[in-house]
C-alpha atoms as a PDB file:
ATOM      1  CA  MET A   1      60.816  18.258  34.840  1.00  0.00           C
ATOM      2  CA  PHE A   2      63.677  17.853  32.614  1.00  0.00           C
ATOM      3  CA  LEU A   3      63.690  14.090  32.367  1.00  0.00           C
ATOM      4  CA  LYS A   4      59.771  14.484  31.436  1.00  0.00           C
ATOM      5  CA  LEU A   5      60.706  16.543  28.807  1.00  0.00           C
ATOM      6  CA  ALA A   6      63.733  14.897  27.510  1.00  0.00           C
ATOM      7  CA  ASN A   7      61.441  11.671  27.389  1.00  0.00           C
ATOM      8  CA  LEU A   8      58.640  13.354  25.668  1.00  0.00           C
ATOM      9  CA  SER A   9      60.905  14.539  22.830  1.00  0.00           C
ATOM     10  CA  LEU A  10      61.882  11.313  21.599  1.00  0.00           C
ATOM     11  CA  LEU A  11      58.571  10.567  21.087  1.00  0.00           C
ATOM     12  CA  VAL A  12      59.560  13.248  17.989  1.00  0.00           C
ATOM     13  CA  LEU A  13      63.050  12.257  17.629  1.00  0.00           C
ATOM     14  CA  PHE A  14      62.037   8.537  17.084  1.00  0.00           C
ATOM     15  CA  PRO A  15      60.369   8.783  13.960  1.00  0.00           C
ATOM     16  CA  ILE A  16      62.576  11.308  12.419  1.00  0.00           C
ATOM     17  CA  ALA A  17      65.562   8.620  12.869  1.00  0.00           C
ATOM     18  CA  TRP A  18      63.297   6.024  11.393  1.00  0.00           C
ATOM     19  CA  PHE A  19      63.392   8.169   8.340  1.00  0.00           C
ATOM     20  CA  ALA A  20      66.729   9.376   8.340  1.00  0.00           C
ATOM     21  CA  PRO A  21      69.518   7.961   6.382  1.00  0.00           C
ATOM     22  CA  LEU A  22      71.590   5.220   8.447  1.00  0.00           C
ATOM     23  CA  MET A  23      73.544   4.254   5.697  1.00  0.00           C
ATOM     24  CA  ARG A  24      74.512   5.163   1.798  1.00  0.00           C
ATOM     25  CA  ALA A  25      75.052   1.770   0.046  1.00  0.00           C
ATOM     26  CA  GLY A  26      75.727   1.006  -3.531  1.00  0.00           C
ATOM     27  CA  LEU A  27      75.503  -2.446  -5.284  1.00  0.00           C
ATOM     28  CA  LEU A  28      73.995  -4.243  -2.476  1.00  0.00           C
ATOM     29  CA  PRO A  29      72.076  -7.500  -3.524  1.00  0.00           C
ATOM     30  CA  LEU A  30      69.160  -6.620  -1.120  1.00  0.00           C
ATOM     31  CA  PHE A  31      68.534  -2.674  -1.839  1.00  0.00           C
ATOM     32  CA  ALA A  32      68.290  -0.845  -4.744  1.00  0.00           C
ATOM     33  CA  LEU A  33      68.639   2.572  -2.916  1.00  0.00           C
ATOM     34  CA  ASP A  34      71.350   4.927  -2.120  1.00  0.00           C
ATOM     35  CA  GLU A  35      70.404   5.813   1.182  1.00  0.00           C
ATOM     36  CA  ILE A  36      69.025   3.103   3.629  1.00  0.00           C
ATOM     37  CA  SER A  37      66.753   4.288   6.364  1.00  0.00           C
ATOM     38  CA  VAL A  38      64.824   2.225   9.222  1.00  0.00           C
ATOM     39  CA  ILE A  39      61.437   2.395   7.222  1.00  0.00           C
ATOM     40  CA  SER A  40      63.274   1.714   3.855  1.00  0.00           C
ATOM     41  CA  GLY A  41      64.941  -1.073   5.257  1.00  0.00           C
ATOM     42  CA  LEU A  42      61.827  -2.786   6.513  1.00  0.00           C
ATOM     43  CA  GLN A  43      60.183  -2.401   3.306  1.00  0.00           C
ATOM     44  CA  ALA A  44      62.581  -4.184   1.598  1.00  0.00           C
ATOM     45  CA  LEU A  45      62.778  -6.788   4.038  1.00  0.00           C
ATOM     46  CA  TRP A  46      59.215  -7.309   4.250  1.00  0.00           C
ATOM     47  CA  GLU A  47      59.265  -8.031   0.323  1.00  0.00           C
ATOM     48  CA  SER A  48      62.126 -10.924   1.132  1.00  0.00           C
ATOM     49  CA  ASP A  49      62.078 -11.841   4.734  1.00  0.00           C
ATOM     50  CA  VAL A  50      58.860 -11.498   6.687  1.00  0.00           C
ATOM     51  CA  VAL A  51      60.144 -13.353   9.781  1.00  0.00           C
ATOM     52  CA  LEU A  52      63.084 -10.959   9.916  1.00  0.00           C
ATOM     53  CA  ALA A  53      61.063  -8.026   9.266  1.00  0.00           C
ATOM     54  CA  LEU A  54      58.757  -8.555  12.029  1.00  0.00           C
ATOM     55  CA  LEU A  55      61.791  -8.862  14.340  1.00  0.00           C
ATOM     56  CA  VAL A  56      63.054  -5.844  13.254  1.00  0.00           C
ATOM     57  CA  THR A  57      59.964  -3.909  13.051  1.00  0.00           C
ATOM     58  CA  PHE A  58      59.653  -4.914  16.949  1.00  0.00           C
ATOM     59  CA  PHE A  59      63.012  -3.968  17.728  1.00  0.00           C
ATOM     60  CA  ALA A  60      63.249  -0.858  15.713  1.00  0.00           C
ATOM     61  CA  LEU A  61      59.883   0.677  16.042  1.00  0.00           C
ATOM     62  CA  PHE A  62      57.533  -0.650  18.567  1.00  0.00           C
ATOM     63  CA  ALA A  63      60.136  -1.808  21.592  1.00  0.00           C
ATOM     64  CA  PRO A  64      61.640   1.765  21.936  1.00  0.00           C
ATOM     65  CA  TYR A  65      58.641   4.073  21.168  1.00  0.00           C
ATOM     66  CA  VAL A  66      56.265   1.559  23.831  1.00  0.00           C
ATOM     67  CA  LYS A  67      59.191   1.933  25.841  1.00  0.00           C
ATOM     68  CA  THR A  68      59.056   5.863  25.621  1.00  0.00           C
ATOM     69  CA  LEU A  69      55.406   5.725  25.839  1.00  0.00           C
ATOM     70  CA  GLY A  70      55.482   4.017  29.193  1.00  0.00           C
ATOM     71  CA  LEU A  71      58.083   5.837  30.636  1.00  0.00           C
ATOM     72  CA  ALA A  72      56.019   9.175  29.788  1.00  0.00           C
ATOM     73  CA  LEU A  73      52.831   7.122  31.990  1.00  0.00           C
ATOM     74  CA  VAL A  74      55.370   6.207  34.814  1.00  0.00           C
ATOM     75  CA  GLN A  75      56.720  10.235  35.039  1.00  0.00           C
ATOM     76  CA  PHE A  76      53.366  11.693  34.703  1.00  0.00           C
ATOM     77  CA  GLY A  77      51.864   9.069  37.580  1.00  0.00           C
ATOM     78  CA  LEU A  78      49.348   7.594  35.213  1.00  0.00           C
ATOM     79  CA  LEU A  79      51.359   3.950  35.417  1.00  0.00           C
ATOM     80  CA  LYS A  80      52.645   2.475  38.588  1.00  0.00           C
ATOM     81  CA  PRO A  81      56.884   2.586  38.704  1.00  0.00           C
ATOM     82  CA  ILE A  82      56.054  -1.401  38.888  1.00  0.00           C
ATOM     83  CA  ALA A  83      56.413  -1.395  35.376  1.00  0.00           C
ATOM     84  CA  LEU A  84      59.872   0.163  35.146  1.00  0.00           C
ATOM     85  CA  PRO A  85      61.755  -3.138  35.036  1.00  0.00           C
ATOM     86  CA  ALA A  86      59.564  -4.131  31.646  1.00  0.00           C
ATOM     87  CA  LEU A  87      59.908  -0.928  30.699  1.00  0.00           C
ATOM     88  CA  GLY A  88      63.832  -1.279  30.808  1.00  0.00           C
ATOM     89  CA  ILE A  89      63.462  -4.611  28.922  1.00  0.00           C
ATOM     90  CA  LEU A  90      62.047  -3.291  25.941  1.00  0.00           C
ATOM     91  CA  GLY A  91      64.601  -0.549  25.873  1.00  0.00           C
ATOM     92  CA  LYS A  92      67.545  -3.258  25.592  1.00  0.00           C
ATOM     93  CA  LEU A  93      65.738  -5.040  23.291  1.00  0.00           C
ATOM     94  CA  ALA A  94      65.710  -1.887  21.238  1.00  0.00           C
ATOM     95  CA  MET A  95      69.287  -1.916  21.287  1.00  0.00           C
ATOM     96  CA  ALA A  96      69.426  -5.225  19.704  1.00  0.00           C
ATOM     97  CA  ASP A  97      68.400  -3.657  16.562  1.00  0.00           C
ATOM     98  CA  ILE A  98      71.592  -1.194  16.928  1.00  0.00           C
ATOM     99  CA  PHE A  99      73.476  -4.165  17.011  1.00  0.00           C
ATOM    100  CA  LEU A 100      71.831  -5.740  13.836  1.00  0.00           C
ATOM    101  CA  ILE A 101      72.440  -2.370  11.990  1.00  0.00           C
ATOM    102  CA  SER A 102      75.890  -2.625  12.946  1.00  0.00           C
ATOM    103  CA  LEU A 103      76.614  -6.223  11.933  1.00  0.00           C
ATOM    104  CA  TYR A 104      74.888  -5.612   8.683  1.00  0.00           C
ATOM    105  CA  ILE A 105      77.518  -2.657   8.066  1.00  0.00           C
ATOM    106  CA  THR A 106      80.421  -4.810   9.228  1.00  0.00           C
ATOM    107  CA  LEU A 107      78.962  -7.755   7.534  1.00  0.00           C
ATOM    108  CA  ALA A 108      78.818  -5.468   4.396  1.00  0.00           C
ATOM    109  CA  LYS A 109      82.247  -3.795   4.212  1.00  0.00           C
ATOM    110  CA  GLY A 110      84.039  -7.064   5.119  1.00  0.00           C
ATOM    111  CA  ILE A 111      82.396  -8.620   1.865  1.00  0.00           C
ATOM    112  CA  GLY A 112      83.708  -5.816  -0.171  1.00  0.00           C
ATOM    113  CA  VAL A 113      80.379  -5.613  -2.004  1.00  0.00           C
ATOM    114  CA  GLY A 114      80.257  -2.103  -3.230  1.00  0.00           C
ATOM    115  CA  ARG A 115      80.365   0.787  -0.910  1.00  0.00           C
ATOM    116  CA  LEU A 116      78.840   1.571   2.246  1.00  0.00           C
ATOM    117  CA  GLU A 117      79.167   4.468   4.390  1.00  0.00           C
ATOM    118  CA  THR A 118      77.081   5.314   7.562  1.00  0.00           C
ATOM    119  CA  ALA A 119      74.983   8.321   7.594  1.00  0.00           C
ATOM    120  CA  TRP A 120      73.724  10.634  10.212  1.00  0.00           C
ATOM    121  CA  GLY A 121      70.602   8.705  11.153  1.00  0.00           C
ATOM    122  CA  LEU A 122      72.327   5.950  12.252  1.00  0.00           C
ATOM    123  CA  TYR A 123      74.001   8.323  14.889  1.00  0.00           C
ATOM    124  CA  LEU A 124      70.647   9.992  15.485  1.00  0.00           C
ATOM    125  CA  PHE A 125      68.788   6.482  16.042  1.00  0.00           C
ATOM    126  CA  THR A 126      71.632   5.057  18.378  1.00  0.00           C
ATOM    127  CA  ALA A 127      71.683   8.614  20.431  1.00  0.00           C
ATOM    128  CA  CYS A 128      67.852   8.240  20.922  1.00  0.00           C
ATOM    129  CA  ILE A 129      68.159   4.709  22.101  1.00  0.00           C
ATOM    130  CA  LEU A 130      71.154   5.484  24.346  1.00  0.00           C
ATOM    131  CA  ALA A 131      69.140   8.613  25.489  1.00  0.00           C
ATOM    132  CA  SER A 132      65.906   6.410  26.231  1.00  0.00           C
ATOM    133  CA  LEU A 133      68.218   3.838  28.587  1.00  0.00           C
ATOM    134  CA  VAL A 134      69.513   6.866  30.600  1.00  0.00           C
ATOM    135  CA  ILE A 135      66.329   8.484  31.159  1.00  0.00           C
ATOM    136  CA  GLY A 136      64.742   5.086  32.446  1.00  0.00           C
ATOM    137  CA  MET A 137      67.556   4.796  34.781  1.00  0.00           C
ATOM    138  CA  LEU A 138      67.507   8.372  36.224  1.00  0.00           C
ATOM    139  CA  THR A 139      63.441   8.229  36.361  1.00  0.00           C
ATOM    140  CA  ARG A 140      63.825   5.005  38.275  1.00  0.00           C
ATOM    141  CA  ALA A 141      66.612   6.514  40.541  1.00  0.00           C
ATOM    142  CA  ALA A 142      64.460   9.760  41.032  1.00  0.00           C
ATOM    143  CA  LEU A 143      61.412   7.572  42.040  1.00  0.00           C
ATOM    144  CA  GLN A 144      63.075   5.608  44.380  1.00  0.00           C
ATOM    145  CA  LYS A 145      64.738   9.160  46.041  1.00  0.00           C
ATOM    146  CA  ALA A 146      60.885  10.272  46.033  1.00  0.00           C
ATOM    147  CA  ALA A 147      59.770   6.933  47.941  1.00  0.00           C
ATOM    148  CA  ARG A 148      62.799   7.047  50.481  1.00  0.00           C
ATOM    149  CA  ALA A 149      62.024  10.428  51.099  1.00  0.00           C
ATOM    150  CA  ALA A 150      58.045   9.777  51.516  1.00  0.00           C
ATOM    151  CA  GLU A 151      58.826   7.314  54.218  1.00  0.00           C
END
């Protein structure tokens, strides 16, 4: 029951993380904002680079949310456990977005253009992704244990 509740809580926490400030920046060429969130970053990307915006939208929004929904379906018996490997791949793809954000922060700090600070939303978003990966692994283990016990 705990895994189900933890997974369902991610359906609420992911949208909060998307709108939460990932970083605070000043004088960055791409963003004319003080606080940058996943959503505000995507809005700026759509204006400058549509292909990268599509990629980041998939990594940041669709991959983790579809994985969480799919895992909930498996947990409630509405989707067969055979889907777990595909859901695991979606979770790993969501980690790519954390990598992209971290790379952007590192590059911006290295260039020394303006001031850049990480904000609480980056930690929330990272925690959501990591929690989703752990919940997926624990769900898989619980289902395997239940299947062994049924044999």
